[in-house]
């Protein structure tokens, strides 16, 4: 039972991250309830793809990272596409965590840090995550699991604190031109497939336990996102800021920004730890880098982009969400089809579900790209 809980928290902690803080603003742009509808649909799609990836990992005798599995089932050219998508998505995501994590840390500790700037806290964050991820995955996942418990409690606590202050008229309305505004943000915020091989390492090849862990770990963030967006939009309305917190401070004042930043920092830290460890494993297992060098690359490359001036987190997560999820989703479906063919599984239900998921991906990505033009 402890391993099952640890694996659920590993996946939930990977998913719950900085993207959550962009969801309320995106829901205001589209209309709250249309945004909730997109959250529900994309949550089901993400959960289905997580389950599909889990089945692929379970069906493969040896462990890889995503490009390794794609090379095995779809060939070298598809693996090269996956490598590009994975590197782009992973570095972009780590960069987004660093940008907003440093801002949250500055809000929390800036008053007692002698006027230190945001860049100072970015250095602190990079060093802290580097120290945690230098340990083997078992220690890292235990640390991540503990942090995830506190993270969920903080976010749920802040949301429940805000609920009595919600004004229902703030949740009304629908805005056609920006209907797909949440799409890229939600794709970014719901994706956590990269840690599924680690989840299976913890649980072993027990299909029932793996499926339970994937479903629970995928749906816990969805429930938390809805609660958080409902509370923030219900309180802030049209004053909702791009990262949710500044708008709350304008409406409620006081120390709300401090507490919300604490919750935000925990959300960022858990995902940052899990993804950095996954990036190191990817570099060492599939690119055969020495482990210490892989650790250095995973720590240094996002920080280098940060220093180069890439610090607009909304733009980062939207691009990563649309590009990386779109590519990976299609490759997952093709790989799953290959695995089912090898297992002589001709289930029409699985085939129909694959076409529905593919349709959602294509329509959503196209709409998001048209909106951005």
Foldseek 3Di string as FASTA:
>chain_A
DVLLLLLLLLLLLQQQAQLLLQLLVLCLQFFVVLSLVLLVVVLVLQLVLLLLLLVLQLLDPDDAFDLVSLCVQPNDVLSVVLVVLVVLLLLLLLLLLLLLLLVLVCLQCVVPPVNDDSLVSSVVLLVVLLVLLVDDPVSLSVVLSVLSVVLLVLLLVLLVVLVVQFDVVLRDDGDVLSSLSCVLSSLLNQHRSRCLSVSCVSVPSDSVSSSVSSVSSRCVVSVSSSSNSRRLSRNQRPLQDSSSQVSCCVRPNDCSSNSVSVSNSSSSSSSSNSSLSSQLRNCCRVVVDDSVVSSVCSSVVSVVVVVVPPNPSVVSSSVSSLRSCLSSLVSSLVSSVSSCVVVVNPDVVSVVVSVVSNVVSVVSSVSSVVSVD
